[in-house]
Amino acid sequence: MEQEIPQTQCAIQLVGPDKLELNNQKEVYAPGPHQMIGKIDAVGLCFSDLKLLKQFDGHVRKSEVVSGIDTSILEELPSYKPGDNPTVPGHEVFCTIVSSGEEVSRHKPGEKVLVQTDYRWLKTADSNSAFGYNIEGGLQEYVLMDERVIVDPNLDESFLLPVEKDMSSSSIALVEPWACVECSYVTEERNTILAGSRLLVVADSGRAVEGLEESFSTEGGPGCITTCCADPSQEEALAGYGVTPEATDSVAGLPDEAFDDIVYFGSNKETIETLNDKLAANGIINVVLGGETIGEDVSVGVGRTHYGMTRWIGTTGTCAAESYKNIPATGEARSGDNALIVGAAGPMGQMHTIRLVSSGIENLSVVGTDFDDDRIASLGEKVNSLAEERGVSLSLVNPQETPITDKFSYFAIMAPMGAVVAQAVKDSADGALINIFAGIPASVKQEIDLDTYIANRCFMFGTSGSRLSDMKVVLEKVLSGQLNTDRSVDAVSGMAGAIDGIRAVEARSLAGKIIVYPQLKELPLTPLSELAGKYPTVAEKLDAGIWNKEAEKELLKVAAA
């Protein structure tokens, strides 16, 4: 049954770089034939909201959609807010459909749904569209969604997942960030030259071009080959691959982000840095050193590893195939790994710590770092007993007080700084996987010891957002009781405290997640540790300090009074 919907509402709007406003009179859009109104039950605050806050129209997901949908559909959607248009952030959302147009077929009023936010088929210039970015998100009472936008045409599935089981709204809203964590471990990596790809081969004088054909995909070779080779014999070695290579005298004049695979037989720093800019999204650059060394750090596009899914590989040998063979199938930790989580005590770091500790991977050791002793203590309360139960060696330290001297074979990086990636390379053991989970701005480059990276057979990777399949996996874990996402909640808020909540995420003043309940307009930001003094009946419902359904139910009753 459809509910009566007001004409105006309370909303948090991002109106410019670092400019948030509480708008008590924001319009509630009337749904068109293909559109729905969702009433927001709960929304989690995320560090990714900060990146949008700081970058605003410079964020890769705030730009206009350039493909994947008829633009006339977006013109009919008033919640589509690309560029410098004010938007509503908030992408960790659980809501109830309260109204729908006559052409909506997959959802009906009264249905409670988890929102998957990452519309990967709707391409922007450098990324994709997303709920809470160029399409208004959940930090408002009501949100407008279009069924033609939220249905993935490749999967023929809606990105609204119905939830029939009676759970806390917070636990369902938090499926989204947990799905992002899950995605970073189960991401599938390719270990061949992409079939039909745009391949660039660069070779310095005196270097043999080896191992290309055996690196081709079983689905076929590259669609086109561009070469920049110092010796005529190198060009001749590329003539039997089914396509006619197109030679160029200089890589500098080639278009940026133009090649899916780049293989460089050489060790020149300037050449490598030029090739960095020629790599397309989802591309792989392979540096074949051939017994040589670069001899100095190289500027690497670490930001694009996360947002552009670019990958760097290499070998100290002469055969390009050696590098491709070292690419892991997924980003999962392995038996015997010594793992370092940088920023373990923050909201997302806690999730990574809990996931690794509870993974069941044999002989796994985990070190988690944070600069805040109180946050470390808070994390310890949540995971120490779990680690002991699972037989995982866990150490939580402040590196300012306890220097880290070990070598690690797995890194999970929560700090969005290129220097942290560079340090991971220095601290890498053989075969180290470097999970760049933090969203380093796409434009950021970092000087990295690529010689060590290649010699140690390191592999750095990154993911952004999650896939529908990841969300389904995590949702099932929550509904079955296998995973308690509420364990990561540290504070609650209504709309009055939502901006303070975002600033708390920015200041890292709270260790865990903040849940906003838009229906509680006047509730300020309230840490769970302060509930006893402000809402004692809510505090009484906590389970050993952990947020839960009963506490949420009581809060919605007493804070709305």
Protein backbone atom coordinates (compact mmCIF):
# COMPACT_ATOMS: atom_id res chain seq x y z
CA MET A 1 0.00 0.00 0.00
CA GLU A 2 1.32 3.40 -0.96
CA GLN A 3 1.99 5.88 1.85
CA GLU A 4 1.22 9.57 1.93
CA ILE A 5 4.38 11.38 0.89
CA PRO A 6 5.16 14.98 1.84
CA GLN A 7 6.14 17.57 -0.76
CA THR A 8 9.31 18.59 1.07
CA GLN A 9 11.82 16.80 3.25
CA CYS A 10 14.97 17.08 5.31
CA ALA A 11 18.16 16.31 3.35
CA ILE A 12 21.93 16.71 3.45
CA GLN A 13 23.16 18.31 0.24
CA LEU A 14 26.66 18.65 -1.09
CA VAL A 15 26.66 21.97 -2.91
CA GLY A 16 30.35 22.44 -3.63
CA PRO A 17 33.82 21.26 -2.60
CA ASP A 18 33.72 20.72 1.17
CA LYS A 19 30.32 22.45 1.39
CA LEU A 20 27.54 20.51 3.10
CA GLU A 21 24.13 21.95 3.89
CA LEU A 22 21.17 20.70 5.88
CA ASN A 23 18.14 21.53 3.74
CA ASN A 24 14.85 21.25 5.64
CA GLN A 25 12.80 22.10 2.56
CA LYS A 26 14.25 19.94 -0.18
CA GLU A 27 11.70 18.85 -2.78
CA VAL A 28 10.40 15.29 -2.72
CA TYR A 29 10.23 14.42 -6.42
CA ALA A 30 7.03 12.89 -7.73
CA PRO A 31 7.69 9.54 -9.43
CA GLY A 32 7.23 9.21 -13.18
CA PRO A 33 5.86 6.07 -14.86
CA HIS A 34 9.18 4.17 -14.50
CA GLN A 35 10.19 5.61 -11.14
CA MET A 36 9.88 4.79 -7.44
CA ILE A 37 10.07 6.63 -4.15
CA GLY A 38 12.07 4.95 -1.41
CA LYS A 39 11.74 6.00 2.23
CA ILE A 40 15.19 5.76 3.80
CA ASP A 41 15.27 3.48 6.85
CA ALA A 42 19.01 3.71 7.54
CA VAL A 43 22.16 4.90 5.83
CA GLY A 44 25.78 4.37 6.84
CA LEU A 45 28.46 7.03 6.52
CA CYS A 46 31.53 6.06 4.54
CA PHE A 47 35.05 7.37 4.04
CA SER A 48 34.22 7.42 0.32
CA ASP A 49 31.71 10.17 1.12
CA LEU A 50 34.72 12.28 2.08
CA LYS A 51 36.34 11.82 -1.30
CA LEU A 52 33.17 13.09 -2.95
CA LEU A 53 33.01 15.90 -0.39
CA LYS A 54 36.52 17.11 -1.18
CA GLN A 55 36.53 16.56 -4.94
CA PHE A 56 32.85 17.31 -5.71
CA ASP A 57 32.54 17.73 -9.48
CA GLY A 58 36.14 16.53 -9.87
CA HIS A 59 35.21 13.07 -8.60
CA VAL A 60 35.20 10.44 -11.36
CA ARG A 61 31.70 9.29 -10.38
CA LYS A 62 30.21 12.79 -10.23
CA SER A 63 30.68 13.43 -13.94
CA GLU A 64 28.12 12.89 -16.68
CA VAL A 65 27.12 9.45 -17.91
CA VAL A 66 28.57 9.01 -21.41
CA SER A 67 27.28 5.55 -22.34
CA GLY A 68 25.15 2.61 -21.22
CA ILE A 69 21.73 4.27 -21.29
CA ASP A 70 19.56 6.48 -23.46
CA THR A 71 20.28 10.02 -22.28
CA SER A 72 16.56 10.86 -22.52
CA ILE A 73 15.97 8.58 -19.51
CA LEU A 74 18.43 10.57 -17.44
CA GLU A 75 16.76 13.78 -18.54
CA GLU A 76 13.55 12.41 -17.01
CA LEU A 77 15.28 11.72 -13.69
CA PRO A 78 15.48 14.84 -11.48
CA SER A 79 17.72 13.00 -9.00
CA TYR A 80 20.45 12.74 -11.67
CA LYS A 81 22.94 15.41 -10.56
CA PRO A 82 26.21 15.28 -12.54
CA GLY A 83 28.94 17.91 -12.60
CA ASP A 84 28.52 20.89 -10.30
CA ASN A 85 24.85 20.22 -9.55
CA PRO A 86 24.17 19.84 -5.80
CA THR A 87 23.76 16.20 -4.86
CA VAL A 88 22.77 14.10 -1.85
CA PRO A 89 25.53 11.76 -0.68
CA GLY A 90 25.03 8.47 1.13
CA HIS A 91 25.33 5.10 -0.60
CA GLU A 92 25.07 2.56 2.24
CA VAL A 93 21.28 2.43 2.15
CA PHE A 94 18.35 0.33 3.27
CA CYS A 95 14.92 1.70 2.33
CA THR A 96 11.24 0.91 1.88
CA ILE A 97 9.50 1.45 -1.45
CA VAL A 98 6.50 3.68 -0.68
CA SER A 99 5.35 4.70 -4.17
CA SER A 100 5.89 3.54 -7.74
CA GLY A 101 4.86 4.50 -11.26
CA GLU A 102 2.53 2.40 -13.37
CA GLU A 103 5.39 1.06 -15.56
CA VAL A 104 7.47 -0.24 -12.65
CA SER A 105 7.43 -4.04 -12.85
CA ARG A 106 10.10 -5.39 -10.50
CA HIS A 107 9.22 -3.66 -7.24
CA LYS A 108 6.10 -2.68 -5.36
CA PRO A 109 5.18 -0.39 -2.47
CA GLY A 110 5.84 -1.92 0.93
CA GLU A 111 8.91 -3.80 -0.27
CA LYS A 112 12.07 -3.32 1.82
CA VAL A 113 15.24 -3.25 -0.28
CA LEU A 114 18.98 -3.05 0.04
CA VAL A 115 20.49 -0.64 -2.47
CA GLN A 116 23.44 -1.73 -4.61
CA THR A 117 25.03 1.53 -5.65
CA ASP A 118 27.67 0.80 -8.26
CA TYR A 119 26.14 1.11 -11.75
CA ARG A 120 29.14 -0.20 -13.69
CA TRP A 121 27.33 -0.34 -17.04
CA LEU A 122 26.65 3.42 -16.89
CA LYS A 123 30.05 4.76 -17.87
CA THR A 124 31.41 8.17 -17.02
CA ALA A 125 34.57 9.48 -18.66
CA ASP A 126 36.88 7.81 -16.12
CA SER A 127 34.66 5.51 -14.06
CA ASN A 128 30.95 4.78 -13.77
CA SER A 129 27.76 6.24 -12.37
CA ALA A 130 26.81 5.52 -8.77
CA PHE A 131 23.99 6.11 -6.30
CA GLY A 132 25.07 8.82 -3.86
CA TYR A 133 27.37 10.45 -6.41
CA ASN A 134 25.97 11.69 -9.75
CA ILE A 135 22.60 10.24 -8.72
CA GLU A 136 21.21 11.43 -5.38
CA GLY A 137 21.76 9.08 -2.47
CA GLY A 138 20.37 8.24 0.94
CA LEU A 139 21.07 11.16 3.27
CA GLN A 140 17.50 12.34 2.93
CA GLU A 141 14.09 11.08 3.99
CA TYR A 142 12.92 10.06 0.52
CA VAL A 143 14.84 9.16 -2.62
CA LEU A 144 13.71 8.91 -6.25
CA MET A 145 14.94 5.92 -8.28
CA ASP A 146 14.28 4.91 -11.89
CA GLU A 147 13.83 1.25 -12.75
CA ARG A 148 15.48 1.77 -16.15
CA VAL A 149 18.60 3.04 -14.36
CA ILE A 150 18.89 0.46 -11.59
CA VAL A 151 18.54 -2.63 -13.79
CA ASP A 152 21.80 -4.01 -15.13
CA PRO A 153 21.11 -4.87 -18.80
CA ASN A 154 23.91 -7.44 -18.81
CA LEU A 155 22.53 -9.36 -15.84
CA ASP A 156 18.89 -8.42 -16.29
CA GLU A 157 18.80 -7.90 -12.52
CA SER A 158 17.65 -5.01 -10.40
CA PHE A 159 20.15 -3.35 -8.10
CA LEU A 160 17.52 -3.23 -5.38
CA LEU A 161 17.68 -6.46 -3.36
CA PRO A 162 14.47 -7.34 -1.47
CA VAL A 163 14.95 -8.23 2.20
CA GLU A 164 12.09 -10.17 3.73
CA LYS A 165 13.67 -11.20 7.02
CA ASP A 166 13.08 -8.90 9.98
CA MET A 167 16.57 -7.54 10.71
CA SER A 168 17.87 -4.25 12.05
CA SER A 169 17.90 -1.62 9.32
CA SER A 170 21.51 -0.83 10.21
CA SER A 171 22.69 -4.41 9.67
CA ILE A 172 21.24 -4.42 6.14
CA ALA A 173 22.52 -0.94 5.25
CA LEU A 174 26.02 -2.07 6.26
CA VAL A 175 25.96 -4.92 3.76
CA GLU A 176 27.16 -2.40 1.15
CA PRO A 177 30.54 -1.54 2.75
CA TRP A 178 31.06 -5.17 3.67
CA ALA A 179 30.39 -6.08 0.03
CA CYS A 180 33.11 -3.63 -1.02
CA VAL A 181 35.51 -5.42 1.30
CA GLU A 182 34.42 -8.80 -0.05
CA CYS A 183 34.94 -7.59 -3.63
CA SER A 184 38.54 -6.64 -2.95
CA TYR A 185 39.38 -10.23 -2.00
CA VAL A 186 37.37 -12.14 -4.58
CA THR A 187 38.15 -9.84 -7.51
CA GLU A 188 39.13 -11.91 -10.55
CA GLU A 189 42.39 -10.99 -12.20
CA ARG A 190 43.38 -11.80 -15.78
CA ASN A 191 46.78 -13.36 -16.42
CA THR A 192 46.97 -13.15 -20.22
CA ILE A 193 47.11 -10.49 -22.90
CA LEU A 194 43.48 -9.60 -23.52
CA ALA A 195 41.91 -11.12 -26.63
CA GLY A 196 41.16 -8.43 -29.21
CA SER A 197 43.16 -5.95 -27.18
CA ARG A 198 45.12 -2.91 -28.14
CA LEU A 199 48.69 -4.08 -27.50
CA LEU A 200 51.71 -1.78 -27.32
CA VAL A 201 55.17 -3.37 -27.50
CA VAL A 202 58.21 -1.24 -26.70
CA ALA A 203 61.76 -2.59 -26.86
CA ASP A 204 65.11 -0.97 -26.16
CA SER A 205 68.13 -1.69 -28.36
CA GLY A 206 69.63 -5.13 -28.00
CA ARG A 207 66.62 -6.68 -26.28
CA ALA A 208 64.94 -9.80 -27.68
CA VAL A 209 61.13 -9.71 -27.82
CA GLU A 210 60.17 -12.93 -26.02
CA GLY A 211 57.08 -14.54 -24.53
CA LEU A 212 54.31 -12.56 -26.16
CA GLU A 213 52.50 -15.27 -28.08
CA GLU A 214 52.46 -17.64 -25.12
CA SER A 215 50.87 -14.84 -23.10
CA PHE A 216 47.90 -14.55 -25.46
CA SER A 217 44.46 -15.50 -24.20
CA THR A 218 43.01 -18.84 -25.29
CA GLU A 219 40.20 -16.73 -26.76
CA GLY A 220 42.59 -15.14 -29.24
CA GLY A 221 45.41 -12.70 -29.74
CA PRO A 222 45.37 -8.89 -29.72
CA GLY A 223 43.18 -6.99 -32.13
CA CYS A 224 45.93 -4.54 -33.02
CA ILE A 225 49.60 -4.11 -32.20
CA THR A 226 51.52 -0.86 -31.99
CA THR A 227 55.29 -1.08 -31.76
CA CYS A 228 58.11 1.19 -30.79
CA CYS A 229 61.23 -0.91 -31.25
CA ALA A 230 64.85 0.18 -31.47
CA ASP A 231 65.99 -2.66 -33.76
CA PRO A 232 64.45 -3.91 -37.03
CA SER A 233 64.77 -7.51 -35.84
CA GLN A 234 62.39 -6.74 -32.98
CA GLU A 235 59.74 -5.57 -35.41
CA GLU A 236 60.23 -8.73 -37.46
CA ALA A 237 59.62 -10.89 -34.39
CA LEU A 238 56.11 -9.43 -34.13
CA ALA A 239 55.07 -10.13 -37.71
CA GLY A 240 53.51 -13.58 -37.21
CA TYR A 241 50.72 -12.78 -34.76
CA GLY A 242 47.83 -12.49 -37.21
CA VAL A 243 47.78 -8.68 -37.29
CA THR A 244 50.11 -6.23 -38.98
CA PRO A 245 51.99 -4.20 -36.40
CA GLU A 246 51.88 -0.43 -36.73
CA ALA A 247 55.26 1.08 -35.92
CA THR A 248 55.86 4.43 -34.25
CA ASP A 249 59.11 6.29 -33.58
CA SER A 250 58.19 7.56 -30.13
CA VAL A 251 55.75 6.49 -27.42
CA ALA A 252 55.43 10.10 -26.26
CA GLY A 253 53.23 10.95 -29.23
CA LEU A 254 50.80 8.09 -28.70
CA PRO A 255 47.39 8.92 -27.18
CA ASP A 256 46.98 8.57 -23.42
CA GLU A 257 45.02 5.64 -21.93
CA ALA A 258 44.95 3.97 -25.33
CA PHE A 259 46.32 0.47 -24.70
CA ASP A 260 44.90 -2.55 -22.87
CA ASP A 261 48.31 -4.23 -22.58
CA ILE A 262 51.74 -2.65 -22.66
CA VAL A 263 54.87 -4.80 -22.71
CA TYR A 264 58.18 -3.01 -22.31
CA PHE A 265 61.48 -4.79 -22.86
CA GLY A 266 63.82 -2.38 -21.13
CA SER A 267 64.68 -0.50 -17.95
CA ASN A 268 64.55 3.22 -18.72
CA LYS A 269 62.77 5.27 -16.05
CA GLU A 270 61.53 7.96 -18.44
CA THR A 271 60.11 5.40 -20.84
CA ILE A 272 58.24 3.60 -18.06
CA GLU A 273 56.76 6.85 -16.78
CA THR A 274 55.60 7.77 -20.27
CA LEU A 275 54.02 4.34 -20.71
CA ASN A 276 52.17 4.82 -17.41
CA ASP A 277 49.95 7.40 -19.10
CA LYS A 278 49.29 5.22 -22.15
CA LEU A 279 47.62 2.42 -20.16
CA ALA A 280 43.85 2.15 -20.53
CA ALA A 281 41.42 1.37 -17.71
CA ASN A 282 41.65 -2.32 -16.72
CA GLY A 283 44.96 -2.48 -18.54
CA ILE A 284 48.20 -4.26 -17.61
CA ILE A 285 51.72 -2.89 -18.01
CA ASN A 286 54.50 -5.50 -18.05
CA VAL A 287 58.11 -4.38 -17.51
CA VAL A 288 60.58 -7.04 -18.69
CA LEU A 289 63.93 -6.00 -17.23
CA GLY A 290 66.04 -8.71 -18.88
CA GLY A 291 68.64 -8.80 -16.11
CA GLU A 292 68.92 -5.02 -15.94
CA THR A 293 67.74 -2.64 -13.19
CA ILE A 294 66.05 0.73 -13.37
CA GLY A 295 68.29 2.11 -10.65
CA GLU A 296 65.87 4.72 -9.30
CA ASP A 297 62.28 5.06 -8.19
CA VAL A 298 59.59 5.35 -10.85
CA SER A 299 56.46 7.51 -10.79
CA VAL A 300 53.54 5.05 -10.89
CA GLY A 301 49.82 5.88 -11.21
CA VAL A 302 48.73 4.28 -7.93
CA GLY A 303 45.44 6.17 -7.97
CA ARG A 304 44.39 4.47 -11.19
CA THR A 305 45.12 1.07 -9.64
CA HIS A 306 42.03 1.61 -7.48
CA TYR A 307 39.71 3.60 -9.73
CA GLY A 308 40.95 2.48 -13.14
CA MET A 309 41.73 -1.14 -12.21
CA THR A 310 45.15 -0.84 -13.85
CA ARG A 311 47.81 -3.42 -13.00
CA TRP A 312 51.63 -3.42 -12.91
CA ILE A 313 53.67 -6.60 -13.40
CA GLY A 314 57.24 -7.37 -14.33
CA THR A 315 60.09 -9.84 -14.41
CA THR A 316 63.84 -9.67 -13.90
CA GLY A 317 64.15 -12.20 -16.73
CA THR A 318 63.78 -11.87 -20.49
CA CYS A 319 60.41 -13.55 -21.13
CA ALA A 320 57.19 -11.51 -20.91
CA ALA A 321 55.15 -14.63 -20.11
CA GLU A 322 56.90 -14.99 -16.75
CA SER A 323 55.18 -11.83 -15.47
CA TYR A 324 51.71 -12.85 -16.57
CA LYS A 325 52.10 -16.26 -14.91
CA ASN A 326 52.74 -14.59 -11.55
CA ILE A 327 49.37 -12.77 -11.54
CA PRO A 328 47.11 -14.28 -8.85
CA ALA A 329 43.65 -15.54 -9.75
CA THR A 330 42.05 -13.35 -7.06
CA GLY A 331 42.98 -10.85 -4.37
CA GLU A 332 42.43 -13.40 -1.59
CA ALA A 333 44.99 -13.94 1.14
CA ARG A 334 46.78 -17.29 1.05
CA SER A 335 47.78 -19.97 3.52
CA GLY A 336 50.87 -18.88 5.43
CA ASP A 337 50.51 -15.18 4.58
CA ASN A 338 51.85 -12.59 6.99
CA ALA A 339 49.29 -9.82 6.48
CA LEU A 340 49.57 -6.13 7.35
CA ILE A 341 46.41 -3.99 7.55
CA VAL A 342 47.32 -0.30 7.43
CA GLY A 343 44.61 1.68 9.18
CA ALA A 344 43.08 -1.40 10.77
CA ALA A 345 41.18 0.39 13.51
CA GLY A 346 39.10 2.65 11.26
CA PRO A 347 35.61 1.66 10.06
CA MET A 348 36.76 -0.14 6.90
CA GLY A 349 39.95 -1.41 8.49
CA GLN A 350 37.87 -3.12 11.16
CA MET A 351 35.96 -4.96 8.45
CA HIS A 352 39.17 -6.12 6.78
CA THR A 353 40.53 -7.27 10.13
CA ILE A 354 37.36 -9.18 11.00
CA ARG A 355 37.24 -10.76 7.53
CA LEU A 356 40.86 -11.92 7.57
CA VAL A 357 40.65 -13.21 11.13
CA SER A 358 37.44 -15.14 10.41
CA SER A 359 38.48 -16.31 6.89
CA GLY A 360 39.57 -19.80 7.93
CA ILE A 361 42.82 -19.44 5.98
CA GLU A 362 45.45 -21.70 7.53
CA ASN A 363 48.62 -20.39 9.18
CA LEU A 364 47.57 -16.78 8.71
CA SER A 365 49.22 -14.03 10.74
CA VAL A 366 47.68 -10.56 10.90
CA VAL A 367 49.21 -7.28 12.05
CA GLY A 368 46.87 -4.28 12.24
CA THR A 369 48.17 -0.73 12.64
CA ASP A 370 46.63 2.56 13.67
CA PHE A 371 48.00 5.78 15.17
CA ASP A 372 45.20 6.06 17.76
CA ASP A 373 45.56 3.90 20.88
CA ASP A 374 41.88 4.24 21.78
CA ARG A 375 40.85 3.01 18.34
CA ILE A 376 43.26 0.09 18.62
CA ALA A 377 41.77 -0.82 21.99
CA SER A 378 38.26 -0.62 20.54
CA LEU A 379 39.22 -2.94 17.69
CA GLY A 380 40.85 -5.35 20.10
CA GLU A 381 37.60 -5.65 22.05
CA LYS A 382 35.88 -6.75 18.85
CA VAL A 383 38.43 -9.13 17.35
CA ASN A 384 40.89 -10.45 19.95
CA SER A 385 38.57 -13.21 21.16
CA LEU A 386 37.62 -14.03 17.57
CA ALA A 387 41.30 -14.38 16.59
CA GLU A 388 41.95 -16.65 19.55
CA GLU A 389 38.91 -18.75 18.68
CA ARG A 390 40.04 -19.09 15.03
CA GLY A 391 43.70 -19.71 15.86
CA VAL A 392 44.93 -16.62 14.04
CA SER A 393 48.03 -14.79 15.25
CA LEU A 394 46.82 -11.19 15.67
CA SER A 395 48.83 -8.16 16.71
CA LEU A 396 47.33 -4.65 16.90
CA VAL A 397 49.95 -1.92 17.24
CA ASN A 398 50.59 1.80 17.02
CA PRO A 399 53.61 2.00 14.67
CA GLN A 400 54.65 5.29 16.28
CA GLU A 401 55.21 3.36 19.50
CA THR A 402 56.04 -0.09 18.10
CA PRO A 403 58.03 0.11 14.86
CA ILE A 404 57.12 -2.46 12.21
CA THR A 405 60.20 -4.38 11.03
CA ASP A 406 58.68 -7.53 9.52
CA LYS A 407 58.32 -8.34 5.85
CA PHE A 408 54.76 -9.01 4.72
CA SER A 409 53.27 -11.12 1.96
CA TYR A 410 49.84 -9.43 2.06
CA PHE A 411 48.93 -5.77 2.53
CA ALA A 412 45.48 -4.23 2.94
CA ILE A 413 45.83 -0.45 2.72
CA MET A 414 43.12 1.81 4.16
CA ALA A 415 45.15 5.04 4.00
CA PRO A 416 44.57 6.94 0.71
CA MET A 417 48.21 7.98 0.34
CA GLY A 418 50.67 6.91 -2.32
CA ALA A 419 53.53 6.95 0.19
CA VAL A 420 51.91 4.04 2.04
CA VAL A 421 51.93 1.99 -1.16
CA ALA A 422 55.60 2.83 -1.69
CA GLN A 423 56.38 1.69 1.86
CA ALA A 424 54.49 -1.56 1.29
CA VAL A 425 56.79 -2.32 -1.64
CA LYS A 426 59.83 -1.72 0.58
CA ASP A 427 58.36 -4.02 3.25
CA SER A 428 57.29 -6.72 0.80
CA ALA A 429 58.19 -10.38 1.01
CA ASP A 430 58.43 -12.52 -2.09
CA GLY A 431 55.12 -12.76 -3.94
CA ALA A 432 53.48 -9.99 -1.91
CA LEU A 433 49.93 -8.93 -2.76
CA ILE A 434 49.19 -5.25 -2.16
CA ASN A 435 45.45 -4.56 -1.82
CA ILE A 436 45.03 -0.80 -2.37
CA PHE A 437 41.58 -0.60 -0.84
CA ALA A 438 41.68 3.10 -0.05
CA GLY A 439 40.52 5.28 -2.89
CA ILE A 440 43.64 7.25 -3.72
CA PRO A 441 42.56 10.02 -6.14
CA ALA A 442 42.79 8.74 -9.69
CA SER A 443 45.29 11.41 -10.73
CA VAL A 444 47.83 10.59 -7.99
CA LYS A 445 51.22 9.17 -8.93
CA GLN A 446 53.84 7.93 -6.50
CA GLU A 447 57.57 7.28 -6.68
CA ILE A 448 57.96 3.52 -6.17
CA ASP A 449 60.98 1.25 -6.04
CA LEU A 450 59.93 -0.72 -9.09
CA ASP A 451 63.16 -2.76 -9.03
CA THR A 452 62.16 -4.23 -5.66
CA TYR A 453 58.55 -4.58 -6.79
CA ILE A 454 59.60 -6.66 -9.79
CA ALA A 455 62.34 -8.64 -8.03
CA ASN A 456 59.91 -9.62 -5.24
CA ARG A 457 57.20 -10.53 -7.76
CA CYS A 458 54.77 -8.14 -6.07
CA PHE A 459 51.28 -7.52 -7.40
CA MET A 460 49.32 -4.42 -6.43
CA PHE A 461 45.64 -4.27 -7.18
CA GLY A 462 42.59 -2.27 -6.28
CA THR A 463 38.83 -2.40 -6.54
CA SER A 464 36.22 0.30 -6.32
CA GLY A 465 32.73 -0.39 -5.03
CA SER A 466 31.25 -3.85 -5.29
CA ARG A 467 29.36 -6.09 -7.64
CA LEU A 468 25.84 -7.36 -7.21
CA SER A 469 27.23 -10.85 -6.61
CA ASP A 470 29.40 -9.57 -3.73
CA MET A 471 26.41 -7.93 -2.09
CA LYS A 472 24.34 -11.10 -2.41
CA VAL A 473 27.09 -13.12 -0.72
CA VAL A 474 27.36 -10.73 2.20
CA LEU A 475 23.58 -10.34 2.51
CA GLU A 476 23.21 -14.10 2.78
CA LYS A 477 25.89 -14.18 5.50
CA VAL A 478 23.97 -11.53 7.45
CA LEU A 479 20.55 -13.15 7.02
CA SER A 480 21.93 -16.55 8.06
CA GLY A 481 23.61 -15.16 11.15
CA GLN A 482 27.12 -15.95 9.89
CA LEU A 483 28.09 -12.27 9.87
CA ASN A 484 26.97 -9.54 12.26
CA THR A 485 27.56 -6.25 10.46
CA ASP A 486 26.19 -4.33 13.47
CA ARG A 487 29.40 -5.27 15.29
CA SER A 488 31.08 -2.38 13.47
CA VAL A 489 28.59 0.34 14.60
CA ASP A 490 30.04 2.97 16.95
CA ALA A 491 27.50 5.81 16.75
CA VAL A 492 23.99 6.71 15.61
CA SER A 493 22.48 9.95 14.38
CA GLY A 494 19.46 11.62 12.87
CA MET A 495 19.56 14.32 10.20
CA ALA A 496 20.54 16.98 12.74
CA GLY A 497 23.81 15.19 13.42
CA ALA A 498 24.55 13.83 9.94
CA ILE A 499 27.00 16.59 8.98
CA ASP A 500 28.73 16.18 12.34
CA GLY A 501 28.90 12.47 11.52
CA ILE A 502 30.63 13.14 8.19
CA ARG A 503 33.08 15.44 9.95
CA ALA A 504 33.71 12.73 12.56
CA VAL A 505 34.59 10.33 9.74
CA GLU A 506 36.93 13.00 8.39
CA ALA A 507 38.56 13.53 11.79
CA ARG A 508 38.66 9.76 12.45
CA SER A 509 37.30 10.50 15.90
CA LEU A 510 35.15 7.35 15.94
CA ALA A 511 36.59 3.92 15.31
CA GLY A 512 33.56 2.24 13.78
CA LYS A 513 30.61 2.99 11.55
CA ILE A 514 28.04 5.75 11.97
CA ILE A 515 24.41 4.96 11.14
CA VAL A 516 22.01 7.79 10.24
CA TYR A 517 18.25 7.35 10.67
CA PRO A 518 16.69 10.12 8.50
CA GLN A 519 13.28 9.72 10.15
CA LEU A 520 14.87 10.97 13.40
CA LYS A 521 15.31 14.55 12.26
CA GLU A 522 16.47 16.03 15.59
CA LEU A 523 18.78 13.28 16.85
CA PRO A 524 22.37 14.58 17.16
CA LEU A 525 25.43 12.44 16.55
CA THR A 526 25.48 10.06 19.50
CA PRO A 527 28.29 7.54 20.16
CA LEU A 528 27.05 4.25 21.62
CA SER A 529 29.24 4.97 24.65
CA GLU A 530 27.05 8.01 25.44
CA LEU A 531 23.68 6.30 25.11
CA ALA A 532 23.43 5.49 28.82
CA GLY A 533 23.42 9.18 29.70
CA LYS A 534 21.11 10.34 26.90
CA TYR A 535 18.87 7.37 26.12
CA PRO A 536 19.25 4.86 28.98
CA THR A 537 16.52 2.54 27.72
CA VAL A 538 18.37 2.24 24.41
CA ALA A 539 21.66 1.54 26.18
CA GLU A 540 19.97 -1.25 28.12
CA LYS A 541 19.22 -3.01 24.82
CA LEU A 542 22.86 -3.15 23.72
CA ASP A 543 24.43 -6.61 23.68
CA ALA A 544 27.73 -6.22 25.53
CA GLY A 545 28.02 -2.79 23.93
CA ILE A 546 27.11 -4.05 20.45
CA TRP A 547 24.35 -2.38 18.40
CA ASN A 548 21.40 -4.62 17.50
CA LYS A 549 17.80 -4.76 16.35
CA GLU A 550 16.27 -4.24 19.80
CA ALA A 551 18.41 -1.19 20.50
CA GLU A 552 17.48 0.25 17.10
CA LYS A 553 13.78 -0.35 17.75
CA GLU A 554 14.01 1.42 21.10
CA LEU A 555 15.93 4.36 19.62
CA LEU A 556 13.33 4.86 16.90
CA LYS A 557 10.67 4.98 19.63
CA VAL A 558 12.26 7.25 22.19
CA ALA A 559 14.20 9.62 19.89
CA ALA A 560 11.11 10.29 17.79
CA ALA A 561 9.07 11.25 20.83
